[in-house]
Amino acid sequence: MKSKRFLKSALAAAVLAITPTQAPAIDLQTLCLATNIYHEARGESGWGQAAVGMVTLNRVDDPRWPDTVCEVVFQDRQFSWVGVMYRMEEPLAWDRALMIANTLMAYPEARQSFPATHYVHRRLDQRVVWTRDLERLYTIGNHVFYR
């Protein structure tokens, strides 16, 4: 499966971006979440990045998706960056994504009031067919969120 092979290279890139002092505190699920936040929303505000992270975690809690963060992130055709090797060349953006991922993992109650399980970039919102069957919830930065 293409995405499972990609997982190793994506995580390797993420590990290379981590400073030695960060490495011991990071578990694999948090690393997968931070990697997804980085690639999907690194140019967004902190709230926009957290919203992307919450969508990922909401999927873990939903029986329609796999049971772990890494499986959700690397599931075929779920996130646009998976399958394409992007380098993590913005250390400050990586640090922020990692901080947000750590916070979301440590405080699961934070996402209980954010029920979104899908999002799409704002410029694609009206063109994506699969959003027609979903309830539009919020627009945060460049993403429109649905459930």
Protein backbone atom coordinates (compact mmCIF):
# COMPACT_ATOMS: atom_id res chain seq x y z
CA MET A 1 0.00 0.00 0.00
CA LYS A 2 1.45 3.32 -1.12
CA SER A 3 0.50 5.30 1.99
CA LYS A 4 2.11 2.80 4.40
CA ARG A 5 5.42 3.06 2.54
CA PHE A 6 5.07 6.82 2.51
CA LEU A 7 4.49 6.82 6.27
CA LYS A 8 8.08 5.79 6.93
CA SER A 9 9.57 8.53 4.76
CA ALA A 10 7.21 11.21 6.10
CA LEU A 11 7.94 10.26 9.68
CA ALA A 12 11.65 10.18 8.93
CA ALA A 13 11.41 13.77 7.67
CA ALA A 14 9.49 14.74 10.78
CA VAL A 15 12.05 13.11 13.06
CA LEU A 16 14.83 15.02 11.32
CA ALA A 17 12.99 18.26 12.10
CA ILE A 18 12.88 17.51 15.83
CA THR A 19 15.60 18.84 18.07
CA PRO A 20 17.22 16.31 20.43
CA THR A 21 15.52 17.87 23.45
CA GLN A 22 12.07 17.36 21.89
CA ALA A 23 12.54 13.78 20.74
CA PRO A 24 12.04 11.86 24.01
CA ALA A 25 8.69 13.53 24.75
CA ILE A 26 7.07 12.75 21.39
CA ASP A 27 5.11 9.59 20.79
CA LEU A 28 4.27 8.29 17.32
CA GLN A 29 0.62 9.41 17.36
CA THR A 30 1.58 12.97 18.33
CA LEU A 31 4.23 12.96 15.62
CA CYS A 32 1.66 11.91 13.01
CA LEU A 33 -0.75 14.61 14.19
CA ALA A 34 1.94 17.31 14.12
CA THR A 35 3.03 16.21 10.65
CA ASN A 36 -0.53 16.49 9.37
CA ILE A 37 -1.04 19.90 10.98
CA TYR A 38 2.25 21.10 9.49
CA HIS A 39 1.50 19.99 5.94
CA GLU A 40 -2.20 20.87 5.90
CA ALA A 41 -2.21 24.17 7.78
CA ARG A 42 1.24 25.57 8.58
CA GLY A 43 0.32 28.93 7.04
CA GLU A 44 -2.84 29.26 9.12
CA SER A 45 -3.38 30.90 12.49
CA GLY A 46 -2.97 28.82 15.63
CA TRP A 47 -6.74 28.35 15.74
CA GLY A 48 -6.77 27.22 12.09
CA GLN A 49 -4.01 24.72 12.78
CA ALA A 50 -5.77 23.46 15.90
CA ALA A 51 -9.00 23.03 13.89
CA VAL A 52 -7.19 20.82 11.37
CA GLY A 53 -5.77 18.82 14.26
CA MET A 54 -9.20 18.48 15.85
CA VAL A 55 -10.66 17.14 12.59
CA THR A 56 -7.94 14.49 12.58
CA LEU A 57 -8.67 13.53 16.18
CA ASN A 58 -12.44 13.60 15.65
CA ARG A 59 -11.96 11.03 12.93
CA VAL A 60 -10.05 8.79 15.33
CA ASP A 61 -13.08 8.93 17.66
CA ASP A 62 -15.54 8.24 14.82
CA PRO A 63 -16.20 4.57 13.92
CA ARG A 64 -16.12 5.43 10.19
CA TRP A 65 -12.34 5.96 10.35
CA PRO A 66 -9.37 4.01 11.72
CA ASP A 67 -8.62 3.96 15.44
CA THR A 68 -5.24 5.71 15.59
CA VAL A 69 -4.00 9.12 14.50
CA CYS A 70 -1.36 7.64 12.19
CA GLU A 71 -3.88 5.38 10.48
CA VAL A 72 -6.27 8.29 9.96
CA VAL A 73 -3.55 10.58 8.63
CA PHE A 74 -2.13 8.03 6.21
CA GLN A 75 -5.43 6.58 5.05
CA ASP A 76 -5.64 6.71 1.27
CA ARG A 77 -7.01 9.93 -0.26
CA GLN A 78 -7.86 11.68 3.01
CA PHE A 79 -5.23 14.42 3.20
CA SER A 80 -3.77 16.11 0.14
CA TRP A 81 -0.10 15.94 1.14
CA VAL A 82 0.00 12.18 1.78
CA GLY A 83 1.70 10.37 -1.07
CA VAL A 84 3.80 13.37 -2.00
CA MET A 85 7.01 13.86 -0.10
CA TYR A 86 7.14 17.38 1.20
CA ARG A 87 10.12 18.42 3.23
CA MET A 88 9.71 20.19 6.52
CA GLU A 89 11.75 23.25 5.76
CA GLU A 90 10.13 25.69 8.16
CA PRO A 91 11.40 24.94 11.69
CA LEU A 92 9.24 27.56 13.39
CA ALA A 93 6.12 26.22 11.68
CA TRP A 94 7.12 22.68 12.71
CA ASP A 95 7.61 23.78 16.34
CA ARG A 96 4.17 25.39 16.34
CA ALA A 97 2.52 22.31 14.77
CA LEU A 98 4.22 20.11 17.35
CA MET A 99 3.10 22.36 20.22
CA ILE A 100 -0.50 22.32 18.95
CA ALA A 101 -0.43 18.55 18.47
CA ASN A 102 0.93 18.02 22.00
CA THR A 103 -1.78 20.26 23.43
CA LEU A 104 -4.59 18.53 21.53
CA MET A 105 -3.33 15.11 22.57
CA ALA A 106 -3.01 16.16 26.22
CA TYR A 107 -6.46 17.79 26.41
CA PRO A 108 -9.00 15.69 24.47
CA GLU A 109 -11.87 17.66 26.03
CA ALA A 110 -10.73 20.70 24.02
CA ARG A 111 -12.16 19.22 20.83
CA GLN A 112 -15.54 18.18 22.24
CA SER A 113 -17.11 21.46 21.15
CA PHE A 114 -15.62 21.23 17.65
CA PRO A 115 -17.56 18.47 15.85
CA ALA A 116 -16.01 18.83 12.38
CA THR A 117 -14.78 15.68 10.64
CA HIS A 118 -13.99 17.21 7.25
CA TYR A 119 -12.52 20.34 5.77
CA VAL A 120 -11.64 21.70 2.38
CA HIS A 121 -9.61 24.68 1.24
CA ARG A 122 -11.83 27.73 0.84
CA ARG A 123 -11.13 28.15 -2.89
CA LEU A 124 -12.30 24.58 -3.55
CA ASP A 125 -15.37 24.74 -1.33
CA GLN A 126 -17.99 25.16 -4.05
CA ARG A 127 -16.29 22.78 -6.47
CA VAL A 128 -15.91 19.70 -4.26
CA VAL A 129 -18.83 17.31 -4.73
CA TRP A 130 -18.46 15.40 -1.44
CA THR A 131 -19.23 18.50 0.65
CA ARG A 132 -22.82 18.63 -0.64
CA ASP A 133 -23.93 15.88 1.75
CA LEU A 134 -22.27 17.45 4.80
CA GLU A 135 -23.27 20.21 7.19
CA ARG A 136 -21.12 23.31 6.79
CA LEU A 137 -19.95 24.48 10.21
CA TYR A 138 -17.18 27.07 10.13
CA THR A 139 -14.74 28.94 7.96
CA ILE A 140 -11.40 29.43 9.69
CA GLY A 141 -8.64 31.03 7.68
CA ASN A 142 -8.40 29.23 4.35
CA HIS A 143 -10.40 26.15 5.39
CA VAL A 144 -14.12 25.43 5.48
CA PHE A 145 -15.10 22.81 8.08
CA TYR A 146 -17.95 20.29 7.87
CA ARG A 147 -19.54 17.40 9.71
